[in-house]
């Protein structure tokens, strides 16, 4: 990928760089609260502009559709999927939903 002109709010993007340094420049208004339409199964989601703990801030409509843990990929530290405690700007996450609905982070 050499160019992507529009990123969706809370859409997840997998970017593989061929080597350092890799710089991604994004412009626009910071996203603080997000509602993301999800489908049953795994959903890749992006992040907000600020750190937000998942506990107490991540909900769904209908209630209870989020299954299990949230995962992120941590290549620098572990080169494995890990369970994050908070939404971090610039990171992406995998969230499993039992049914179609909305995932909300506020």
PDB file of N, CA and C in Angstrom:
ATOM      1  N   UNK A   1       0.862  -1.174   0.000  1.00  0.00           N
ATOM      2  CA  UNK A   1       0.000   0.000   0.000  1.00  0.00           C
ATOM      3  C   UNK A   1       0.897   1.221   0.000  1.00  0.00           C
ATOM      4  N   UNK A   2       0.642   2.124  -0.890  1.00  0.00           N
ATOM      5  CA  UNK A   2       1.416   3.351  -0.924  1.00  0.00           C
ATOM      6  C   UNK A   2       0.588   4.553  -0.546  1.00  0.00           C
ATOM      7  N   UNK A   3      -0.752   4.441  -0.662  1.00  0.00           N
ATOM      8  CA  UNK A   3      -1.584   5.587  -0.350  1.00  0.00           C
ATOM      9  C   UNK A   3      -2.978   5.121   0.066  1.00  0.00           C
ATOM     10  N   UNK A   4      -3.469   5.713   1.111  1.00  0.00           N
ATOM     11  CA  UNK A   4      -4.841   5.497   1.549  1.00  0.00           C
ATOM     12  C   UNK A   4      -5.332   6.857   1.981  1.00  0.00           C
ATOM     13  N   UNK A   5      -6.277   7.401   1.257  1.00  0.00           N
ATOM     14  CA  UNK A   5      -6.655   8.784   1.496  1.00  0.00           C
ATOM     15  C   UNK A   5      -7.686   8.959   2.604  1.00  0.00           C
ATOM     16  N   UNK A   6      -8.464   7.926   2.930  1.00  0.00           N
ATOM     17  CA  UNK A   6      -9.497   8.069   3.950  1.00  0.00           C
ATOM     18  C   UNK A   6      -9.497   6.862   4.872  1.00  0.00           C
ATOM     19  N   UNK A   7      -9.426   7.119   6.185  1.00  0.00           N
ATOM     20  CA  UNK A   7      -9.518   6.065   7.181  1.00  0.00           C
ATOM     21  C   UNK A   7     -10.853   6.189   7.886  1.00  0.00           C
ATOM     22  N   UNK A   8     -11.509   5.081   8.138  1.00  0.00           N
ATOM     23  CA  UNK A   8     -12.781   5.101   8.844  1.00  0.00           C
ATOM     24  C   UNK A   8     -12.564   5.126  10.349  1.00  0.00           C
ATOM     25  N   UNK A   9     -13.441   5.837  11.063  1.00  0.00           N
ATOM     26  CA  UNK A   9     -13.352   5.877  12.518  1.00  0.00           C
ATOM     27  C   UNK A   9     -13.529   4.487  13.098  1.00  0.00           C
ATOM     28  N   UNK A  10     -12.606   4.074  13.857  1.00  0.00           N
ATOM     29  CA  UNK A  10     -12.544   2.804  14.575  1.00  0.00           C
ATOM     30  C   UNK A  10     -12.464   1.596  13.661  1.00  0.00           C
ATOM     31  N   UNK A  11     -12.143   1.817  12.387  1.00  0.00           N
ATOM     32  CA  UNK A  11     -11.811   0.700  11.508  1.00  0.00           C
ATOM     33  C   UNK A  11     -10.386   0.293  11.844  1.00  0.00           C
ATOM     34  N   UNK A  12     -10.098  -0.984  11.772  1.00  0.00           N
ATOM     35  CA  UNK A  12      -8.747  -1.463  12.022  1.00  0.00           C
ATOM     36  C   UNK A  12      -8.016  -1.651  10.710  1.00  0.00           C
ATOM     37  N   UNK A  13      -6.726  -1.356  10.698  1.00  0.00           N
ATOM     38  CA  UNK A  13      -5.902  -1.506   9.506  1.00  0.00           C
ATOM     39  C   UNK A  13      -4.642  -2.265   9.892  1.00  0.00           C
ATOM     40  N   UNK A  14      -4.297  -3.285   9.125  1.00  0.00           N
ATOM     41  CA  UNK A  14      -3.090  -4.060   9.367  1.00  0.00           C
ATOM     42  C   UNK A  14      -2.037  -3.509   8.426  1.00  0.00           C
ATOM     43  N   UNK A  15      -0.968  -2.941   8.978  1.00  0.00           N
ATOM     44  CA  UNK A  15       0.093  -2.345   8.175  1.00  0.00           C
ATOM     45  C   UNK A  15       1.378  -3.118   8.439  1.00  0.00           C
ATOM     46  N   UNK A  16       1.945  -3.696   7.417  1.00  0.00           N
ATOM     47  CA  UNK A  16       3.207  -4.413   7.546  1.00  0.00           C
ATOM     48  C   UNK A  16       4.289  -3.586   6.860  1.00  0.00           C
ATOM     49  N   UNK A  17       5.252  -3.154   7.651  1.00  0.00           N
ATOM     50  CA  UNK A  17       6.358  -2.366   7.107  1.00  0.00           C
ATOM     51  C   UNK A  17       7.500  -3.311   6.751  1.00  0.00           C
ATOM     52  N   UNK A  18       8.201  -3.029   5.661  1.00  0.00           N
ATOM     53  CA  UNK A  18       9.289  -3.900   5.237  1.00  0.00           C
ATOM     54  C   UNK A  18      10.568  -3.640   6.013  1.00  0.00           C
ATOM     55  N   UNK A  19      10.614  -2.582   6.770  1.00  0.00           N
ATOM     56  CA  UNK A  19      11.797  -2.292   7.571  1.00  0.00           C
ATOM     57  C   UNK A  19      11.737  -0.890   8.125  1.00  0.00           C
ATOM     58  N   UNK A  20      12.479  -0.644   9.196  1.00  0.00           N
ATOM     59  CA  UNK A  20      12.467   0.688   9.788  1.00  0.00           C
ATOM     60  C   UNK A  20      13.202   1.657   8.883  1.00  0.00           C
ATOM     61  N   UNK A  21      12.951   2.928   8.938  1.00  0.00           N
ATOM     62  CA  UNK A  21      11.847   3.522   9.692  1.00  0.00           C
ATOM     63  C   UNK A  21      10.555   3.487   8.886  1.00  0.00           C
ATOM     64  N   UNK A  22       9.460   3.485   9.574  1.00  0.00           N
ATOM     65  CA  UNK A  22       8.147   3.524   8.945  1.00  0.00           C
ATOM     66  C   UNK A  22       7.365   4.653   9.586  1.00  0.00           C
ATOM     67  N   UNK A  23       6.934   5.614   8.798  1.00  0.00           N
ATOM     68  CA  UNK A  23       6.193   6.748   9.323  1.00  0.00           C
ATOM     69  C   UNK A  23       4.828   6.806   8.663  1.00  0.00           C
ATOM     70  N   UNK A  24       3.784   6.826   9.481  1.00  0.00           N
ATOM     71  CA  UNK A  24       2.428   6.999   8.990  1.00  0.00           C
ATOM     72  C   UNK A  24       1.938   8.344   9.494  1.00  0.00           C
ATOM     73  N   UNK A  25       1.492   9.193   8.595  1.00  0.00           N
ATOM     74  CA  UNK A  25       1.003  10.514   8.961  1.00  0.00           C
ATOM     75  C   UNK A  25      -0.501  10.558   8.754  1.00  0.00           C
ATOM     76  N   UNK A  26      -1.223  10.948   9.811  1.00  0.00           N
ATOM     77  CA  UNK A  26      -2.673  11.060   9.727  1.00  0.00           C
ATOM     78  C   UNK A  26      -3.081  12.469  10.135  1.00  0.00           C
ATOM     79  N   UNK A  27      -4.084  12.982   9.452  1.00  0.00           N
ATOM     80  CA  UNK A  27      -4.607  14.303   9.782  1.00  0.00           C
ATOM     81  C   UNK A  27      -6.108  14.201   9.977  1.00  0.00           C
ATOM     82  N   UNK A  28      -6.676  15.175  10.649  1.00  0.00           N
ATOM     83  CA  UNK A  28      -8.117  15.192  10.867  1.00  0.00           C
ATOM     84  C   UNK A  28      -8.439  15.497  12.312  1.00  0.00           C
ATOM     85  N   UNK A  29      -9.702  15.369  12.645  1.00  0.00           N
ATOM     86  CA  UNK A  29     -10.164  15.625  14.003  1.00  0.00           C
ATOM     87  C   UNK A  29      -9.931  14.399  14.882  1.00  0.00           C
ATOM     88  N   UNK A  30      -9.467  14.600  16.119  1.00  0.00           N
ATOM     89  CA  UNK A  30      -9.272  13.459  17.016  1.00  0.00           C
ATOM     90  C   UNK A  30     -10.596  12.765  17.334  1.00  0.00           C
ATOM     91  N   UNK A  31     -10.568  11.451  17.384  1.00  0.00           N
ATOM     92  CA  UNK A  31     -11.747  10.659  17.711  1.00  0.00           C
ATOM     93  C   UNK A  31     -11.665  10.278  19.184  1.00  0.00           C
ATOM     94  N   UNK A  32     -12.710  10.607  19.954  1.00  0.00           N
ATOM     95  CA  UNK A  32     -12.694  10.339  21.391  1.00  0.00           C
ATOM     96  C   UNK A  32     -13.652   9.214  21.762  1.00  0.00           C
ATOM     97  N   UNK A  33     -14.895   9.271  21.324  1.00  0.00           N
ATOM     98  CA  UNK A  33     -15.893   8.232  21.589  1.00  0.00           C
ATOM     99  C   UNK A  33     -16.302   7.608  20.269  1.00  0.00           C
ATOM    100  N   UNK A  34     -16.485   6.281  20.278  1.00  0.00           N
ATOM    101  CA  UNK A  34     -16.774   5.600  19.027  1.00  0.00           C
ATOM    102  C   UNK A  34     -17.852   4.543  19.211  1.00  0.00           C
ATOM    103  N   UNK A  35     -18.735   4.459  18.211  1.00  0.00           N
ATOM    104  CA  UNK A  35     -19.648   3.334  18.089  1.00  0.00           C
ATOM    105  C   UNK A  35     -19.334   2.665  16.766  1.00  0.00           C
ATOM    106  N   UNK A  36     -19.040   1.376  16.814  1.00  0.00           N
ATOM    107  CA  UNK A  36     -18.634   0.638  15.613  1.00  0.00           C
ATOM    108  C   UNK A  36     -19.614  -0.499  15.366  1.00  0.00           C
ATOM    109  N   UNK A  37     -20.204  -0.549  14.189  1.00  0.00           N
ATOM    110  CA  UNK A  37     -21.060  -1.661  13.820  1.00  0.00           C
ATOM    111  C   UNK A  37     -20.190  -2.903  13.670  1.00  0.00           C
ATOM    112  N   UNK A  38     -20.610  -3.986  14.308  1.00  0.00           N
ATOM    113  CA  UNK A  38     -19.844  -5.225  14.258  1.00  0.00           C
ATOM    114  C   UNK A  38     -20.713  -6.340  13.683  1.00  0.00           C
ATOM    115  N   UNK A  39     -20.050  -7.386  13.240  1.00  0.00           N
ATOM    116  CA  UNK A  39     -20.745  -8.576  12.763  1.00  0.00           C
ATOM    117  C   UNK A  39     -20.397  -9.741  13.688  1.00  0.00           C
ATOM    118  N   UNK A  40     -21.216 -10.771  13.661  1.00  0.00           N
ATOM    119  CA  UNK A  40     -20.926 -11.946  14.467  1.00  0.00           C
ATOM    120  C   UNK A  40     -19.566 -12.503  14.053  1.00  0.00           C
ATOM    121  N   UNK A  41     -18.724 -12.819  15.030  1.00  0.00           N
ATOM    122  CA  UNK A  41     -17.372 -13.308  14.760  1.00  0.00           C
ATOM    123  C   UNK A  41     -16.345 -12.259  15.139  1.00  0.00           C
ATOM    124  N   UNK A  42     -15.157 -12.404  14.594  1.00  0.00           N
ATOM    125  CA  UNK A  42     -14.059 -11.488  14.920  1.00  0.00           C
ATOM    126  C   UNK A  42     -14.162 -10.193  14.131  1.00  0.00           C
ATOM    127  N   UNK A  43     -13.922  -9.076  14.823  1.00  0.00           N
ATOM    128  CA  UNK A  43     -13.961  -7.746  14.227  1.00  0.00           C
ATOM    129  C   UNK A  43     -12.644  -7.037  14.540  1.00  0.00           C
ATOM    130  N   UNK A  44     -11.984  -6.504  13.502  1.00  0.00           N
ATOM    131  CA  UNK A  44     -10.773  -5.726  13.707  1.00  0.00           C
ATOM    132  C   UNK A  44     -11.189  -4.269  13.867  1.00  0.00           C
ATOM    133  N   UNK A  45     -10.805  -3.659  14.966  1.00  0.00           N
ATOM    134  CA  UNK A  45     -11.177  -2.271  15.239  1.00  0.00           C
ATOM    135  C   UNK A  45      -9.936  -1.447  15.520  1.00  0.00           C
ATOM    136  N   UNK A  46     -10.032  -0.164  15.273  1.00  0.00           N
ATOM    137  CA  UNK A  46      -8.936   0.758  15.531  1.00  0.00           C
ATOM    138  C   UNK A  46      -9.047   1.359  16.916  1.00  0.00           C
ATOM    139  N   UNK A  47      -8.456   2.528  17.088  1.00  0.00           N
ATOM    140  CA  UNK A  47      -8.384   3.147  18.408  1.00  0.00           C
ATOM    141  C   UNK A  47      -8.899   4.582  18.387  1.00  0.00           C
ATOM    142  N   UNK A  48      -9.001   5.146  19.572  1.00  0.00           N
ATOM    143  CA  UNK A  48      -9.365   6.552  19.720  1.00  0.00           C
ATOM    144  C   UNK A  48      -8.087   7.376  19.862  1.00  0.00           C
ATOM    145  N   UNK A  49      -8.233   8.688  19.960  1.00  0.00           N
ATOM    146  CA  UNK A  49      -7.078   9.586  20.051  1.00  0.00           C
ATOM    147  C   UNK A  49      -6.483   9.640  21.451  1.00  0.00           C
ATOM    148  N   UNK A  50      -7.183   9.092  22.432  1.00  0.00           N
ATOM    149  CA  UNK A  50      -6.683   9.121  23.805  1.00  0.00           C
ATOM    150  C   UNK A  50      -6.727   7.718  24.404  1.00  0.00           C
ATOM    151  N   UNK A  51      -5.912   7.492  25.423  1.00  0.00           N
ATOM    152  CA  UNK A  51      -5.929   6.210  26.122  1.00  0.00           C
ATOM    153  C   UNK A  51      -7.210   6.098  26.940  1.00  0.00           C
ATOM    154  N   UNK A  52      -7.925   4.994  26.778  1.00  0.00           N
ATOM    155  CA  UNK A  52      -9.161   4.742  27.518  1.00  0.00           C
ATOM    156  C   UNK A  52      -9.121   3.307  28.027  1.00  0.00           C
ATOM    157  N   UNK A  53      -9.259   3.092  29.339  1.00  0.00           N
ATOM    158  CA  UNK A  53      -9.316   1.707  29.829  1.00  0.00           C
ATOM    159  C   UNK A  53     -10.531   0.994  29.238  1.00  0.00           C
ATOM    160  N   UNK A  54     -10.364  -0.272  28.859  1.00  0.00           N
ATOM    161  CA  UNK A  54     -11.500  -1.022  28.325  1.00  0.00           C
ATOM    162  C   UNK A  54     -12.531  -1.304  29.412  1.00  0.00           C
ATOM    163  N   UNK A  55     -12.069  -1.646  30.604  1.00  0.00           N
ATOM    164  CA  UNK A  55     -12.994  -1.967  31.692  1.00  0.00           C
ATOM    165  C   UNK A  55     -13.816  -0.734  32.068  1.00  0.00           C
ATOM    166  N   UNK A  56     -15.133  -0.892  32.018  1.00  0.00           N
ATOM    167  CA  UNK A  56     -16.031   0.202  32.357  1.00  0.00           C
ATOM    168  C   UNK A  56     -16.307   1.184  31.235  1.00  0.00           C
ATOM    169  N   UNK A  57     -15.596   1.040  30.102  1.00  0.00           N
ATOM    170  CA  UNK A  57     -15.778   1.976  28.988  1.00  0.00           C
ATOM    171  C   UNK A  57     -16.143   1.297  27.680  1.00  0.00           C
ATOM    172  N   UNK A  58     -16.051  -0.033  27.634  1.00  0.00           N
ATOM    173  CA  UNK A  58     -16.372  -0.780  26.421  1.00  0.00           C
ATOM    174  C   UNK A  58     -17.689  -1.513  26.645  1.00  0.00           C
ATOM    175  N   UNK A  59     -18.685  -1.173  25.842  1.00  0.00           N
ATOM    176  CA  UNK A  59     -20.008  -1.777  25.968  1.00  0.00           C
ATOM    177  C   UNK A  59     -20.488  -2.220  24.588  1.00  0.00           C
ATOM    178  N   UNK A  60     -21.661  -2.800  24.548  1.00  0.00           N
ATOM    179  CA  UNK A  60     -22.216  -3.225  23.261  1.00  0.00           C
ATOM    180  C   UNK A  60     -23.723  -3.038  23.261  1.00  0.00           C
ATOM    181  N   UNK A  61     -24.270  -2.985  22.058  1.00  0.00           N
ATOM    182  CA  UNK A  61     -25.723  -2.920  21.854  1.00  0.00           C
ATOM    183  C   UNK A  61     -26.054  -3.932  20.773  1.00  0.00           C
ATOM    184  N   UNK A  62     -26.725  -5.026  21.025  1.00  0.00           N
ATOM    185  CA  UNK A  62     -27.316  -5.349  22.317  1.00  0.00           C
ATOM    186  C   UNK A  62     -26.238  -5.686  23.356  1.00  0.00           C
ATOM    187  N   UNK A  63     -26.600  -5.530  24.595  1.00  0.00           N
ATOM    188  CA  UNK A  63     -25.687  -5.762  25.705  1.00  0.00           C
ATOM    189  C   UNK A  63     -25.195  -7.208  25.709  1.00  0.00           C
ATOM    190  N   UNK A  64     -23.929  -7.383  26.019  1.00  0.00           N
ATOM    191  CA  UNK A  64     -23.374  -8.711  26.206  1.00  0.00           C
ATOM    192  C   UNK A  64     -22.917  -9.459  24.977  1.00  0.00           C
ATOM    193  N   UNK A  65     -22.800  -8.780  23.819  1.00  0.00           N
ATOM    194  CA  UNK A  65     -22.392  -9.517  22.614  1.00  0.00           C
ATOM    195  C   UNK A  65     -20.879  -9.706  22.518  1.00  0.00           C
ATOM    196  N   UNK A  66     -20.103  -8.956  23.294  1.00  0.00           N
ATOM    197  CA  UNK A  66     -18.644  -9.107  23.250  1.00  0.00           C
ATOM    198  C   UNK A  66     -18.272 -10.403  23.959  1.00  0.00           C
ATOM    199  N   UNK A  67     -17.580 -11.293  23.220  1.00  0.00           N
ATOM    200  CA  UNK A  67     -17.214 -12.610  23.764  1.00  0.00           C
ATOM    201  C   UNK A  67     -15.731 -12.638  24.119  1.00  0.00           C
ATOM    202  N   UNK A  68     -15.437 -13.108  25.313  1.00  0.00           N
ATOM    203  CA  UNK A  68     -14.044 -13.348  25.690  1.00  0.00           C
ATOM    204  C   UNK A  68     -13.215 -12.086  25.804  1.00  0.00           C
ATOM    205  N   UNK A  69     -11.941 -12.254  25.549  1.00  0.00           N
ATOM    206  CA  UNK A  69     -10.973 -11.164  25.694  1.00  0.00           C
ATOM    207  C   UNK A  69     -10.835 -10.367  24.412  1.00  0.00           C
ATOM    208  N   UNK A  70     -10.269  -9.187  24.553  1.00  0.00           N
ATOM    209  CA  UNK A  70      -9.882  -8.334  23.428  1.00  0.00           C
ATOM    210  C   UNK A  70      -8.406  -8.635  23.189  1.00  0.00           C
ATOM    211  N   UNK A  71      -7.978  -8.662  21.930  1.00  0.00           N
ATOM    212  CA  UNK A  71      -6.582  -8.959  21.626  1.00  0.00           C
ATOM    213  C   UNK A  71      -5.964  -7.852  20.790  1.00  0.00           C
ATOM    214  N   UNK A  72      -4.653  -7.678  20.942  1.00  0.00           N
ATOM    215  CA  UNK A  72      -3.864  -6.804  20.093  1.00  0.00           C
ATOM    216  C   UNK A  72      -2.587  -7.547  19.736  1.00  0.00           C
ATOM    217  N   UNK A  73      -1.956  -7.182  18.644  1.00  0.00           N
ATOM    218  CA  UNK A  73      -0.699  -7.808  18.248  1.00  0.00           C
ATOM    219  C   UNK A  73       0.435  -6.913  18.703  1.00  0.00           C
ATOM    220  N   UNK A  74       1.428  -7.493  19.358  1.00  0.00           N
ATOM    221  CA  UNK A  74       2.521  -6.722  19.952  1.00  0.00           C
ATOM    222  C   UNK A  74       3.860  -7.185  19.380  1.00  0.00           C
ATOM    223  N   UNK A  75       4.177  -6.781  18.136  1.00  0.00           N
ATOM    224  CA  UNK A  75       5.395  -7.290  17.516  1.00  0.00           C
ATOM    225  C   UNK A  75       6.700  -6.866  18.201  1.00  0.00           C
ATOM    226  N   UNK A  76       6.822  -5.613  18.698  1.00  0.00           N
ATOM    227  CA  UNK A  76       8.124  -5.251  19.278  1.00  0.00           C
ATOM    228  C   UNK A  76       8.457  -6.039  20.544  1.00  0.00           C
ATOM    229  N   UNK A  77       7.472  -6.272  21.392  1.00  0.00           N
ATOM    230  CA  UNK A  77       7.745  -6.900  22.681  1.00  0.00           C
ATOM    231  C   UNK A  77       7.667  -8.418  22.636  1.00  0.00           C
ATOM    232  N   UNK A  78       6.577  -8.957  22.101  1.00  0.00           N
ATOM    233  CA  UNK A  78       6.360 -10.403  22.215  1.00  0.00           C
ATOM    234  C   UNK A  78       6.208 -11.126  20.888  1.00  0.00           C
ATOM    235  N   UNK A  79       5.955 -10.395  19.812  1.00  0.00           N
ATOM    236  CA  UNK A  79       5.639 -10.999  18.516  1.00  0.00           C
ATOM    237  C   UNK A  79       4.487 -11.985  18.653  1.00  0.00           C
ATOM    238  N   UNK A  80       3.510 -11.597  19.471  1.00  0.00           N
ATOM    239  CA  UNK A  80       2.355 -12.454  19.729  1.00  0.00           C
ATOM    240  C   UNK A  80       1.147 -11.581  20.031  1.00  0.00           C
ATOM    241  N   UNK A  81      -0.016 -12.217  20.069  1.00  0.00           N
ATOM    242  CA  UNK A  81      -1.224 -11.515  20.475  1.00  0.00           C
ATOM    243  C   UNK A  81      -1.236 -11.410  21.997  1.00  0.00           C
ATOM    244  N   UNK A  82      -1.614 -10.240  22.499  1.00  0.00           N
ATOM    245  CA  UNK A  82      -1.688 -10.018  23.939  1.00  0.00           C
ATOM    246  C   UNK A  82      -3.063  -9.452  24.281  1.00  0.00           C
ATOM    247  N   UNK A  83      -3.388  -9.474  25.568  1.00  0.00           N
ATOM    248  CA  UNK A  83      -4.661  -8.938  26.046  1.00  0.00           C
ATOM    249  C   UNK A  83      -4.394  -7.561  26.652  1.00  0.00           C
ATOM    250  N   UNK A  84      -4.827  -6.491  25.974  1.00  0.00           N
ATOM    251  CA  UNK A  84      -4.573  -5.145  26.479  1.00  0.00           C
ATOM    252  C   UNK A  84      -5.569  -4.752  27.570  1.00  0.00           C
ATOM    253  N   UNK A  85      -5.162  -3.825  28.434  1.00  0.00           N
ATOM    254  CA  UNK A  85      -6.075  -3.324  29.460  1.00  0.00           C
ATOM    255  C   UNK A  85      -6.702  -1.997  29.040  1.00  0.00           C
ATOM    256  N   UNK A  86      -6.122  -1.354  28.023  1.00  0.00           N
ATOM    257  CA  UNK A  86      -6.636  -0.044  27.602  1.00  0.00           C
ATOM    258  C   UNK A  86      -6.483   0.134  26.095  1.00  0.00           C
ATOM    259  N   UNK A  87      -7.352   0.960  25.546  1.00  0.00           N
ATOM    260  CA  UNK A  87      -7.265   1.425  24.179  1.00  0.00           C
ATOM    261  C   UNK A  87      -6.099   2.410  24.109  1.00  0.00           C
ATOM    262  N   UNK A  88      -5.167   2.185  23.192  1.00  0.00           N
ATOM    263  CA  UNK A  88      -4.021   3.076  23.023  1.00  0.00           C
ATOM    264  C   UNK A  88      -4.071   3.686  21.622  1.00  0.00           C
ATOM    265  N   UNK A  89      -3.852   4.998  21.514  1.00  0.00           N
ATOM    266  CA  UNK A  89      -3.869   5.638  20.199  1.00  0.00           C
ATOM    267  C   UNK A  89      -2.906   4.955  19.228  1.00  0.00           C
ATOM    268  N   UNK A  90      -3.394   4.723  18.023  1.00  0.00           N
ATOM    269  CA  UNK A  90      -2.574   4.124  16.984  1.00  0.00           C
ATOM    270  C   UNK A  90      -2.542   2.613  16.970  1.00  0.00           C
ATOM    271  N   UNK A  91      -3.208   1.976  17.924  1.00  0.00           N
ATOM    272  CA  UNK A  91      -3.212   0.508  17.994  1.00  0.00           C
ATOM    273  C   UNK A  91      -4.499  -0.054  17.396  1.00  0.00           C
ATOM    274  N   UNK A  92      -4.473  -1.327  17.093  1.00  0.00           N
ATOM    275  CA  UNK A  92      -5.640  -2.018  16.582  1.00  0.00           C
ATOM    276  C   UNK A  92      -5.976  -3.197  17.468  1.00  0.00           C
ATOM    277  N   UNK A  93      -7.229  -3.634  17.414  1.00  0.00           N
ATOM    278  CA  UNK A  93      -7.698  -4.675  18.323  1.00  0.00           C
ATOM    279  C   UNK A  93      -8.604  -5.651  17.596  1.00  0.00           C
ATOM    280  N   UNK A  94      -8.610  -6.893  18.081  1.00  0.00           N
ATOM    281  CA  UNK A  94      -9.546  -7.915  17.624  1.00  0.00           C
ATOM    282  C   UNK A  94     -10.568  -8.116  18.724  1.00  0.00           C
ATOM    283  N   UNK A  95     -11.853  -7.971  18.381  1.00  0.00           N
ATOM    284  CA  UNK A  95     -12.946  -8.163  19.333  1.00  0.00           C
ATOM    285  C   UNK A  95     -13.920  -9.166  18.724  1.00  0.00           C
ATOM    286  N   UNK A  96     -14.280 -10.192  19.503  1.00  0.00           N
ATOM    287  CA  UNK A  96     -15.218 -11.204  19.042  1.00  0.00           C
ATOM    288  C   UNK A  96     -16.622 -10.851  19.506  1.00  0.00           C
ATOM    289  N   UNK A  97     -17.572 -10.866  18.565  1.00  0.00           N
ATOM    290  CA  UNK A  97     -18.967 -10.564  18.874  1.00  0.00           C
ATOM    291  C   UNK A  97     -19.815 -11.815  18.641  1.00  0.00           C
ATOM    292  N   UNK A  98     -20.736 -12.084  19.580  1.00  0.00           N
ATOM    293  CA  UNK A  98     -21.618 -13.250  19.473  1.00  0.00           C
ATOM    294  C   UNK A  98     -22.648 -13.072  18.362  1.00  0.00           C
ATOM    295  N   UNK A  99     -23.097 -11.830  18.151  1.00  0.00           N
ATOM    296  CA  UNK A  99     -24.087 -11.522  17.119  1.00  0.00           C
ATOM    297  C   UNK A  99     -23.752 -10.176  16.498  1.00  0.00           C
ATOM    298  N   UNK A 100     -24.436  -9.811  15.444  1.00  0.00           N
ATOM    299  CA  UNK A 100     -24.303  -8.473  14.872  1.00  0.00           C
ATOM    300  C   UNK A 100     -24.768  -7.453  15.902  1.00  0.00           C
ATOM    301  N   UNK A 101     -24.186  -6.279  15.872  1.00  0.00           N
ATOM    302  CA  UNK A 101     -24.596  -5.208  16.783  1.00  0.00           C
ATOM    303  C   UNK A 101     -23.609  -4.056  16.723  1.00  0.00           C
ATOM    304  N   UNK A 102     -23.542  -3.302  17.804  1.00  0.00           N
ATOM    305  CA  UNK A 102     -22.632  -2.171  17.907  1.00  0.00           C
ATOM    306  C   UNK A 102     -21.682  -2.376  19.080  1.00  0.00           C
ATOM    307  N   UNK A 103     -20.419  -2.029  18.873  1.00  0.00           N
ATOM    308  CA  UNK A 103     -19.429  -2.010  19.946  1.00  0.00           C
ATOM    309  C   UNK A 103     -19.164  -0.541  20.239  1.00  0.00           C
ATOM    310  N   UNK A 104     -19.229  -0.163  21.511  1.00  0.00           N
ATOM    311  CA  UNK A 104     -19.129   1.232  21.907  1.00  0.00           C
ATOM    312  C   UNK A 104     -17.959   1.419  22.872  1.00  0.00           C
ATOM    313  N   UNK A 105     -17.122   2.407  22.593  1.00  0.00           N
ATOM    314  CA  UNK A 105     -16.039   2.790  23.498  1.00  0.00           C
ATOM    315  C   UNK A 105     -16.214   4.262  23.826  1.00  0.00           C
ATOM    316  N   UNK A 106     -16.450   4.549  25.120  1.00  0.00           N
ATOM    317  CA  UNK A 106     -16.633   5.942  25.535  1.00  0.00           C
ATOM    318  C   UNK A 106     -16.099   6.165  26.915  1.00  0.00           C
TER     319      UNK A 106
END
